[in-house]
């Protein structure tokens, strides 16, 4: 029996380990699963011979795979949980980009349109997920040659000494060429402290955007008010980033739907009492969704509940599949108490 207990503990810990690894990805991956398996925009982050080999492999895979259509992408967008206002903004952007693309194909004059965007909102509201989605949309419309996404932040762009920042920023920008560069917490680039090279990174990005305007889209993201101050602090930023998409916090019902999807994907079922306790917890969390973390907070709560369930089940004798799949009220209580 001791061997069986060890086996159960090992299985449960392995599940939790995998969940934790996935949590390092953007929470949008979990939210987007509402519409089934989706194609993520590929991310290019390496260089050299090995990178070229990998790129060729990816290109071969893409040639074999069926190309995405605008209709399938719009259906996927509609399937995302919540984000009602974001969906309307994104659809408007898609329509604008579609007409822009069609006019170019017909050799009609097109306005000097900026597709760069500002995503503002609290953490865990799906900003990175929608950035990945837009990369795929622009690629499908023929606006971007690759349609991949490169994520970065201040640390990825700013160096510690004169000359290093321009080199770091240029490297990231080259990786993003043909796709979308997503700069998280972009407002941290405009620090007013002395000996700070954030402004150098901003200048490098703006120049690259101008020089490669036909094959890169930059999305800057962060909290709402800091992002507005960031954009208005520099005429160059204000003229290039004139499309704002605001991401609202998730409601309690939307967060429960995200939680329910996590359970479904991982083959867990809530008892009636456990369901009520999760709903109560998320209703309370919705009052301060920013501090809770929105979708990311849901994910963290889910993992804590799995840990509590593992602690309950591991000492049992004759553990069945049904027991392994069931989340009880005591598991939810244990997780909530661990967060106090």
Protein backbone atom coordinates (compact mmCIF):
# COMPACT_ATOMS: atom_id res chain seq x y z
CA UNK A 1 0.00 0.00 0.00
CA UNK A 2 2.91 2.35 0.71
CA UNK A 3 4.04 1.97 -2.90
CA UNK A 4 0.52 2.80 -4.12
CA UNK A 5 0.41 5.95 -1.96
CA UNK A 6 3.77 7.06 -3.32
CA UNK A 7 2.48 6.49 -6.84
CA UNK A 8 -0.62 8.60 -6.21
CA UNK A 9 1.43 11.41 -4.69
CA UNK A 10 3.81 11.28 -7.64
CA UNK A 11 0.93 11.47 -10.14
CA UNK A 12 -0.67 14.41 -8.38
CA UNK A 13 2.62 16.31 -8.06
CA UNK A 14 3.34 15.74 -11.74
CA UNK A 15 -0.05 17.25 -12.63
CA UNK A 16 0.66 20.28 -10.45
CA UNK A 17 4.15 20.63 -11.94
CA UNK A 18 2.74 20.70 -15.45
CA UNK A 19 0.12 23.23 -14.41
CA UNK A 20 2.81 25.47 -12.92
CA UNK A 21 4.89 25.29 -16.09
CA UNK A 22 1.90 26.31 -18.17
CA UNK A 23 1.25 29.18 -15.79
CA UNK A 24 4.52 30.72 -16.94
CA UNK A 25 2.81 31.24 -20.28
CA UNK A 26 0.34 34.01 -20.67
CA UNK A 27 -2.98 33.35 -19.02
CA UNK A 28 -4.61 33.94 -22.38
CA UNK A 29 -3.69 30.43 -23.49
CA UNK A 30 -6.15 29.05 -20.93
CA UNK A 31 -8.86 31.56 -21.72
CA UNK A 32 -8.57 30.99 -25.46
CA UNK A 33 -9.15 27.27 -25.01
CA UNK A 34 -12.87 28.07 -24.94
CA UNK A 35 -12.79 27.61 -28.70
CA UNK A 36 -10.67 24.47 -28.71
CA UNK A 37 -7.06 24.13 -29.73
CA UNK A 38 -5.80 27.31 -31.37
CA UNK A 39 -2.68 28.14 -33.33
CA UNK A 40 -0.34 30.42 -31.44
CA UNK A 41 1.70 32.93 -33.37
CA UNK A 42 5.18 31.41 -33.52
CA UNK A 43 7.90 33.13 -31.51
CA UNK A 44 11.38 33.60 -32.96
CA UNK A 45 14.01 34.20 -30.29
CA UNK A 46 17.19 32.44 -31.39
CA UNK A 47 19.82 33.12 -34.04
CA UNK A 48 22.55 31.37 -36.01
CA UNK A 49 22.62 28.11 -37.98
CA UNK A 50 20.40 26.22 -35.56
CA UNK A 51 17.81 28.97 -35.71
CA UNK A 52 17.81 28.83 -39.51
CA UNK A 53 17.29 25.07 -39.41
CA UNK A 54 14.39 25.53 -37.01
CA UNK A 55 12.90 28.26 -39.20
CA UNK A 56 13.02 25.94 -42.22
CA UNK A 57 11.29 23.21 -40.22
CA UNK A 58 8.60 25.65 -39.11
CA UNK A 59 8.15 26.90 -42.68
CA UNK A 60 7.73 23.32 -43.90
CA UNK A 61 5.12 22.69 -41.21
CA UNK A 62 3.26 25.87 -42.15
CA UNK A 63 3.22 24.85 -45.82
CA UNK A 64 1.60 21.53 -44.93
CA UNK A 65 -0.89 23.09 -42.52
CA UNK A 66 -4.09 24.62 -43.82
CA UNK A 67 -3.82 28.43 -43.95
CA UNK A 68 -5.94 30.35 -41.47
CA UNK A 69 -8.86 32.33 -42.80
CA UNK A 70 -10.24 35.61 -41.52
CA UNK A 71 -13.56 33.86 -40.91
CA UNK A 72 -11.97 31.21 -38.67
CA UNK A 73 -10.06 33.87 -36.76
CA UNK A 74 -13.21 35.91 -36.16
CA UNK A 75 -15.01 32.77 -34.96
CA UNK A 76 -12.17 32.16 -32.53
CA UNK A 77 -12.35 35.75 -31.29
CA UNK A 78 -16.08 35.37 -30.59
CA UNK A 79 -15.32 32.27 -28.54
CA UNK A 80 -13.01 34.01 -26.07
CA UNK A 81 -14.45 34.41 -22.58
CA UNK A 82 -15.50 37.96 -21.74
CA UNK A 83 -13.62 40.79 -23.46
CA UNK A 84 -16.83 42.17 -25.02
CA UNK A 85 -15.50 45.71 -25.55
CA UNK A 86 -12.11 44.41 -26.68
CA UNK A 87 -13.78 42.19 -29.27
CA UNK A 88 -15.61 45.18 -30.78
CA UNK A 89 -12.40 47.22 -30.93
CA UNK A 90 -10.47 44.34 -32.45
CA UNK A 91 -13.17 43.70 -35.08
CA UNK A 92 -13.03 47.37 -36.05
CA UNK A 93 -9.24 47.13 -36.39
CA UNK A 94 -9.58 43.98 -38.47
CA UNK A 95 -12.05 45.69 -40.83
CA UNK A 96 -9.72 48.65 -41.22
CA UNK A 97 -6.75 46.39 -41.91
CA UNK A 98 -8.79 44.29 -44.34
CA UNK A 99 -9.76 47.30 -46.46
CA UNK A 100 -6.18 48.58 -46.31
CA UNK A 101 -4.93 45.23 -47.61
CA UNK A 102 -7.56 44.99 -50.35
CA UNK A 103 -6.82 48.51 -51.62
CA UNK A 104 -3.11 47.70 -51.85
CA UNK A 105 -3.86 44.54 -53.83
CA UNK A 106 -5.99 46.58 -56.22
CA UNK A 107 -3.21 49.19 -56.62
CA UNK A 108 -5.41 51.84 -55.06
CA UNK A 109 -3.89 54.62 -52.95
CA UNK A 110 -3.87 53.90 -49.22
CA UNK A 111 -3.58 56.29 -46.33
CA UNK A 112 -0.40 56.21 -44.26
CA UNK A 113 -2.15 54.11 -41.65
CA UNK A 114 -0.53 53.14 -38.34
CA UNK A 115 -1.38 49.65 -37.11
CA UNK A 116 0.59 50.03 -33.87
CA UNK A 117 -1.54 49.77 -30.73
CA UNK A 118 -1.73 50.56 -27.03
CA UNK A 119 -3.20 47.81 -24.84
CA UNK A 120 -4.14 49.12 -21.41
CA UNK A 121 -5.57 47.32 -18.41
CA UNK A 122 -4.78 45.34 -15.31
CA UNK A 123 -2.70 42.14 -15.28
CA UNK A 124 -4.38 38.91 -16.37
CA UNK A 125 -6.98 40.51 -18.64
CA UNK A 126 -5.83 38.88 -21.90
CA UNK A 127 -3.56 41.54 -23.42
CA UNK A 128 -0.84 39.13 -24.54
CA UNK A 129 -3.43 36.69 -25.88
CA UNK A 130 -4.98 39.37 -28.10
CA UNK A 131 -1.51 40.51 -29.24
CA UNK A 132 -0.82 36.95 -30.42
CA UNK A 133 -4.20 36.93 -32.12
CA UNK A 134 -3.54 40.22 -33.94
CA UNK A 135 -0.20 38.88 -35.22
CA UNK A 136 -2.08 36.00 -36.85
CA UNK A 137 -4.74 38.34 -38.26
CA UNK A 138 -2.20 40.68 -39.87
CA UNK A 139 -0.36 37.70 -41.33
CA UNK A 140 -3.59 36.27 -42.76
CA UNK A 141 -4.37 39.63 -44.37
CA UNK A 142 -0.89 39.74 -45.91
CA UNK A 143 0.17 42.81 -43.93
CA UNK A 144 2.93 40.98 -42.02
CA UNK A 145 5.23 38.50 -43.75
CA UNK A 146 5.59 36.06 -40.82
CA UNK A 147 2.91 36.83 -38.25
CA UNK A 148 4.94 35.72 -35.23
CA UNK A 149 5.01 37.43 -31.83
CA UNK A 150 8.07 38.55 -29.88
CA UNK A 151 7.42 39.49 -26.26
CA UNK A 152 9.76 41.76 -24.35
CA UNK A 153 9.89 44.35 -21.57
CA UNK A 154 12.29 46.95 -20.21
CA UNK A 155 14.89 44.33 -19.28
CA UNK A 156 14.91 43.00 -22.83
CA UNK A 157 15.50 46.43 -24.37
CA UNK A 158 17.54 48.51 -21.94
CA UNK A 159 21.24 48.00 -21.20
CA UNK A 160 23.35 49.08 -18.27
CA UNK A 161 25.91 51.22 -20.07
CA UNK A 162 26.23 53.60 -23.02
CA UNK A 163 25.75 51.86 -26.36
CA UNK A 164 24.35 48.60 -24.98
CA UNK A 165 20.70 49.66 -25.15
CA UNK A 166 20.73 50.39 -28.88
CA UNK A 167 22.28 46.97 -29.56
CA UNK A 168 19.82 45.10 -27.32
CA UNK A 169 16.83 46.92 -28.76
CA UNK A 170 18.01 46.41 -32.35
CA UNK A 171 18.39 42.66 -31.77
CA UNK A 172 14.85 42.33 -30.41
CA UNK A 173 13.45 44.43 -33.24
CA UNK A 174 15.16 42.28 -35.86
CA UNK A 175 13.65 39.19 -34.25
CA UNK A 176 10.22 40.82 -34.44
CA UNK A 177 10.52 41.92 -38.07
CA UNK A 178 7.69 40.42 -40.07
CA UNK A 179 5.54 40.10 -36.97
CA UNK A 180 4.41 41.84 -33.80
CA UNK A 181 6.67 43.20 -31.07
CA UNK A 182 4.79 43.20 -27.74
CA UNK A 183 6.37 45.46 -25.09
CA UNK A 184 4.89 44.80 -21.65
CA UNK A 185 4.90 47.54 -19.00
CA UNK A 186 6.22 49.91 -21.66
CA UNK A 187 5.80 52.94 -19.38
CA UNK A 188 8.86 51.81 -17.40
CA UNK A 189 11.00 52.86 -20.37
CA UNK A 190 10.53 56.56 -19.65
CA UNK A 191 12.09 56.76 -16.21
CA UNK A 192 13.13 60.27 -15.20
CA UNK A 193 16.16 59.13 -13.19
CA UNK A 194 19.65 60.08 -14.28
CA UNK A 195 21.86 57.64 -16.18
CA UNK A 196 18.80 55.78 -17.42
CA UNK A 197 18.82 54.46 -20.98
CA UNK A 198 15.11 53.83 -21.37
CA UNK A 199 14.64 56.81 -23.66
CA UNK A 200 17.38 55.44 -25.91
CA UNK A 201 15.33 52.25 -26.26
CA UNK A 202 12.21 54.27 -27.14
CA UNK A 203 14.14 56.22 -29.78
CA UNK A 204 15.55 53.00 -31.27
CA UNK A 205 12.10 51.43 -31.46
CA UNK A 206 10.56 54.54 -33.06
CA UNK A 207 13.28 54.71 -35.72
CA UNK A 208 12.91 51.02 -36.54
CA UNK A 209 9.14 51.40 -36.80
CA UNK A 210 9.67 54.18 -39.33
CA UNK A 211 12.34 52.35 -41.34
CA UNK A 212 10.36 49.08 -41.47
CA UNK A 213 6.83 50.42 -41.39
CA UNK A 214 5.55 47.83 -43.88
CA UNK A 215 6.65 44.75 -41.96
CA UNK A 216 6.41 45.25 -38.21
CA UNK A 217 3.64 46.12 -35.76
CA UNK A 218 4.46 47.25 -32.23
CA UNK A 219 2.01 46.83 -29.36
CA UNK A 220 2.81 48.53 -26.06
CA UNK A 221 0.94 47.42 -22.95
CA UNK A 222 0.52 48.17 -19.27
CA UNK A 223 -1.70 49.76 -16.63
CA UNK A 224 -4.15 52.28 -18.06
CA UNK A 225 -3.03 55.61 -16.56
CA UNK A 226 0.75 54.98 -16.74
CA UNK A 227 0.33 53.98 -20.40
CA UNK A 228 -1.56 57.17 -21.26
CA UNK A 229 1.16 59.25 -19.59
CA UNK A 230 3.80 57.23 -21.45
CA UNK A 231 2.24 57.86 -24.87
CA UNK A 232 1.61 61.57 -24.31
CA UNK A 233 5.14 62.11 -22.96
CA UNK A 234 6.66 61.90 -26.46
CA UNK A 235 5.29 63.39 -29.72
CA UNK A 236 6.85 60.51 -31.64
CA UNK A 237 4.93 57.98 -29.58
CA UNK A 238 1.70 59.95 -29.75
CA UNK A 239 1.78 60.17 -33.54
CA UNK A 240 2.48 56.46 -34.07
CA UNK A 241 0.32 54.92 -31.33
CA UNK A 242 -3.16 56.28 -31.92
CA UNK A 243 -5.18 53.08 -31.48
CA UNK A 244 -6.13 52.22 -27.91
CA UNK A 245 -7.70 48.99 -26.71
CA UNK A 246 -8.78 48.99 -23.06
CA UNK A 247 -9.05 45.65 -21.27
CA UNK A 248 -11.61 45.57 -18.47
CA UNK A 249 -11.32 43.33 -15.41
CA UNK A 250 -13.13 40.00 -15.63
CA UNK A 251 -16.44 39.66 -13.85
CA UNK A 252 -17.03 36.94 -11.26
CA UNK A 253 -19.05 34.91 -13.79
CA UNK A 254 -16.30 35.19 -16.41
CA UNK A 255 -13.65 34.12 -13.92
CA UNK A 256 -15.73 31.12 -12.93
CA UNK A 257 -16.04 30.18 -16.59
CA UNK A 258 -12.24 30.31 -16.88
CA UNK A 259 -11.99 28.13 -13.75
CA UNK A 260 -14.51 25.68 -15.16
CA UNK A 261 -12.50 25.40 -18.37
CA UNK A 262 -9.36 24.65 -16.40
CA UNK A 263 -11.21 21.82 -14.65
CA UNK A 264 -12.52 20.46 -17.94
CA UNK A 265 -9.10 20.50 -19.62
CA UNK A 266 -7.45 18.72 -16.71
CA UNK A 267 -10.27 16.18 -16.10
CA UNK A 268 -11.44 17.47 -12.74
CA UNK A 269 -15.04 17.76 -11.57
CA UNK A 270 -16.41 19.99 -8.82
CA UNK A 271 -18.97 18.76 -6.32
CA UNK A 272 -22.00 20.99 -5.88
CA UNK A 273 -20.70 22.40 -2.61
CA UNK A 274 -17.24 22.96 -4.08
CA UNK A 275 -18.82 24.81 -7.00
CA UNK A 276 -20.60 27.19 -4.63
CA UNK A 277 -17.43 27.85 -2.64
CA UNK A 278 -15.43 28.62 -5.80
CA UNK A 279 -18.16 30.97 -6.99
CA UNK A 280 -18.22 32.72 -3.61
CA UNK A 281 -14.44 33.13 -3.66
CA UNK A 282 -14.44 34.55 -7.18
CA UNK A 283 -17.33 36.91 -6.40
CA UNK A 284 -15.25 38.33 -3.55
CA UNK A 285 -12.15 38.45 -5.76
CA UNK A 286 -14.01 40.41 -8.45
CA UNK A 287 -14.30 43.35 -6.04
CA UNK A 288 -10.52 43.78 -6.36
CA UNK A 289 -9.79 41.93 -9.58
CA UNK A 290 -6.53 43.81 -10.15
CA UNK A 291 -5.02 42.62 -6.89
CA UNK A 292 -6.41 39.11 -7.42
CA UNK A 293 -4.91 38.97 -10.89
CA UNK A 294 -8.01 38.39 -13.04
CA UNK A 295 -7.48 35.30 -15.22
CA UNK A 296 -4.01 34.77 -13.77
CA UNK A 297 -5.48 34.78 -10.28
CA UNK A 298 -8.00 32.15 -11.36
CA UNK A 299 -5.15 29.99 -12.57
CA UNK A 300 -3.27 30.37 -9.28
CA UNK A 301 -6.39 29.49 -7.28
CA UNK A 302 -6.93 26.40 -9.44
CA UNK A 303 -3.39 25.19 -8.80
CA UNK A 304 -3.72 25.75 -5.05
CA UNK A 305 -6.93 23.71 -5.06
CA UNK A 306 -5.14 20.87 -6.90
CA UNK A 307 -2.44 20.93 -4.25
CA UNK A 308 -5.04 20.77 -1.47
CA UNK A 309 -6.81 17.90 -3.24
CA UNK A 310 -3.53 16.02 -3.58
CA UNK A 311 -2.90 16.39 0.16
CA UNK A 312 -6.36 14.99 0.87
CA UNK A 313 -6.26 12.08 -1.56
CA UNK A 314 -2.67 10.87 -1.21
CA UNK A 315 -3.10 9.21 2.25
CA UNK A 316 -6.27 7.34 1.16
CA UNK A 317 -6.53 3.60 0.61
CA UNK A 318 -8.02 2.24 -2.64
CA UNK A 319 -7.99 5.48 -4.58
CA UNK A 320 -10.29 5.32 -7.62
CA UNK A 321 -10.31 7.31 -10.83
CA UNK A 322 -13.44 9.10 -9.64
CA UNK A 323 -11.70 10.20 -6.43
CA UNK A 324 -8.71 11.47 -8.42
CA UNK A 325 -11.04 13.54 -10.61
CA UNK A 326 -13.19 15.01 -7.82
CA UNK A 327 -12.63 18.40 -6.19
CA UNK A 328 -14.50 18.71 -2.90
CA UNK A 329 -15.44 21.70 -0.79
CA UNK A 330 -12.65 20.94 1.68
CA UNK A 331 -10.11 21.24 -1.14
CA UNK A 332 -11.39 24.73 -1.98
CA UNK A 333 -11.36 25.72 1.70
CA UNK A 334 -7.80 24.45 2.08
CA UNK A 335 -6.67 26.49 -0.92
CA UNK A 336 -8.41 29.64 0.28
CA UNK A 337 -6.96 29.28 3.78
CA UNK A 338 -3.47 28.97 2.30
CA UNK A 339 -3.95 32.36 0.60
CA UNK A 340 -4.90 34.21 3.78
